[in-house]
Amino acid sequence: HELLSPEQIAKKALSKSNQSAQEAVAMLCGILGSVAGNLALTLGARGGVFVGGGIVPKLGNYFDSSPFRSRFESKGRFSKYVSDIPTCVISSKYPALIGAAVAVKKHYGYLGATSVSS
């Protein structure tokens, strides 16, 4: 058996050239959906769950049809509650910088500040 890197597994899964890679990526998405749904339920994340970093943003449209969302919502009597919680994939390369820029804009009223000291 050939040992593949995460990038190679994702590439083979997306190209549908390796059944084991497809199963591994589907399993990853399903487990991520279960954990994200549990956390959303535990923390009351009604505003949404944002998934970013690692492999997920690279999965593109595959992620939308993966087991993620069905496992996210599979919470027994709480399924309706979590089904109303939106999930989004962060596709920005630098989301932390965008968030920091928004925080500066909210605090100072504009993004042209020359100083951030109080």
Protein backbone atom coordinates (compact mmCIF):
# COMPACT_ATOMS: atom_id res chain seq x y z
CA HIS A 1 0.00 0.00 0.00
CA GLU A 2 1.19 3.44 -0.91
CA LEU A 3 1.31 6.04 1.90
CA LEU A 4 -0.35 9.27 0.73
CA SER A 5 -0.14 12.80 2.13
CA PRO A 6 -3.40 14.58 3.07
CA GLU A 7 -3.10 16.66 -0.10
CA GLN A 8 -2.72 13.53 -2.25
CA ILE A 9 -5.69 11.88 -0.56
CA ALA A 10 -7.87 14.93 -1.20
CA LYS A 11 -6.73 15.16 -4.82
CA LYS A 12 -7.43 11.47 -5.47
CA ALA A 13 -10.81 11.71 -3.72
CA LEU A 14 -11.88 14.75 -5.72
CA SER A 15 -10.76 13.20 -9.01
CA LYS A 16 -12.56 9.98 -8.01
CA SER A 17 -9.44 8.01 -8.90
CA ASN A 18 -9.13 6.16 -5.59
CA GLN A 19 -12.05 4.59 -3.70
CA SER A 20 -10.18 4.50 -0.38
CA ALA A 21 -9.36 8.21 -0.68
CA GLN A 22 -13.02 8.98 -1.39
CA GLU A 23 -14.09 7.01 1.66
CA ALA A 24 -11.46 8.71 3.84
CA VAL A 25 -12.55 12.21 2.81
CA ALA A 26 -16.22 11.32 3.27
CA MET A 27 -15.40 9.94 6.72
CA LEU A 28 -13.46 13.10 7.62
CA CYS A 29 -16.37 15.32 6.55
CA GLY A 30 -18.85 13.18 8.47
CA ILE A 31 -16.81 13.20 11.67
CA LEU A 32 -16.26 16.95 11.34
CA GLY A 33 -20.02 17.40 10.90
CA SER A 34 -20.76 15.37 14.04
CA VAL A 35 -18.25 17.29 16.14
CA ALA A 36 -19.28 20.69 14.75
CA GLY A 37 -22.94 19.89 15.39
CA ASN A 38 -22.18 18.81 18.96
CA LEU A 39 -20.25 22.02 19.58
CA ALA A 40 -22.97 24.17 18.01
CA LEU A 41 -25.53 22.50 20.24
CA THR A 42 -23.37 22.74 23.37
CA LEU A 43 -22.39 26.37 22.80
CA GLY A 44 -25.71 27.55 21.35
CA ALA A 45 -24.06 28.79 18.17
CA ARG A 46 -27.29 30.13 16.64
CA GLY A 47 -25.41 32.67 14.49
CA GLY A 48 -23.60 29.97 12.58
CA VAL A 49 -20.60 27.69 12.46
CA PHE A 50 -17.65 28.70 10.32
CA VAL A 51 -15.28 25.99 9.10
CA GLY A 52 -11.85 27.02 7.88
CA GLY A 53 -8.26 25.99 7.53
CA GLY A 54 -6.76 22.70 6.52
CA ILE A 55 -8.38 20.60 3.85
CA VAL A 56 -12.02 21.73 3.95
CA PRO A 57 -11.68 24.96 1.91
CA LYS A 58 -9.82 22.96 -0.75
CA LEU A 59 -12.70 20.51 -1.14
CA GLY A 60 -14.85 23.07 -2.94
CA ASN A 61 -18.27 21.83 -4.03
CA TYR A 62 -17.54 18.33 -2.72
CA PHE A 63 -17.91 19.58 0.84
CA ASP A 64 -21.47 20.77 0.12
CA SER A 65 -22.52 17.27 -0.93
CA SER A 66 -20.45 15.45 1.71
CA PRO A 67 -21.88 13.85 4.87
CA PHE A 68 -20.92 16.99 6.86
CA ARG A 69 -24.34 18.66 6.99
CA SER A 70 -26.39 15.50 7.56
CA ARG A 71 -24.12 14.51 10.44
CA PHE A 72 -24.18 18.11 11.73
CA GLU A 73 -27.98 17.93 11.93
CA SER A 74 -28.22 14.34 13.23
CA LYS A 75 -28.84 15.23 16.86
CA GLY A 76 -31.97 13.27 17.77
CA ARG A 77 -34.57 15.46 19.46
CA PHE A 78 -32.32 18.49 18.89
CA SER A 79 -32.07 17.98 15.12
CA LYS A 80 -34.54 20.79 14.36
CA TYR A 81 -32.58 23.17 16.57
CA VAL A 82 -29.26 22.53 14.82
CA SER A 83 -30.85 22.37 11.35
CA ASP A 84 -31.59 26.10 11.75
CA ILE A 85 -27.90 26.87 12.39
CA PRO A 86 -26.09 27.95 9.21
CA THR A 87 -22.68 26.51 8.35
CA CYS A 88 -20.15 28.26 6.15
CA VAL A 89 -16.70 27.46 4.81
CA ILE A 90 -14.12 30.21 5.24
CA SER A 91 -12.41 30.52 1.88
CA SER A 92 -10.30 33.60 2.55
CA LYS A 93 -6.56 33.02 2.70
CA TYR A 94 -6.19 35.46 5.63
CA PRO A 95 -9.46 35.52 7.60
CA ALA A 96 -7.77 36.73 10.80
CA LEU A 97 -6.51 39.86 9.05
CA ILE A 98 -9.96 40.57 7.64
CA GLY A 99 -11.43 40.17 11.12
CA ALA A 100 -8.80 42.49 12.59
CA ALA A 101 -9.54 45.09 9.90
CA VAL A 102 -13.25 44.94 10.69
CA ALA A 103 -12.51 45.33 14.41
CA VAL A 104 -10.32 48.39 13.72
CA LYS A 105 -13.00 49.87 11.47
CA LYS A 106 -15.68 49.36 14.14
CA HIS A 107 -13.47 50.85 16.85
CA TYR A 108 -12.09 53.82 14.91
CA GLY A 109 -14.88 54.28 12.37
CA TYR A 110 -12.67 53.91 9.30
CA LEU A 111 -9.78 51.90 7.93
CA GLY A 112 -7.46 54.82 7.26
CA ALA A 113 -6.24 55.07 10.87
CA THR A 114 -2.56 55.90 11.17
CA SER A 115 -2.40 54.80 14.80
CA VAL A 116 -4.23 52.19 16.81
CA SER A 117 -3.14 53.42 20.25
CA SER A 118 -5.84 54.70 22.60
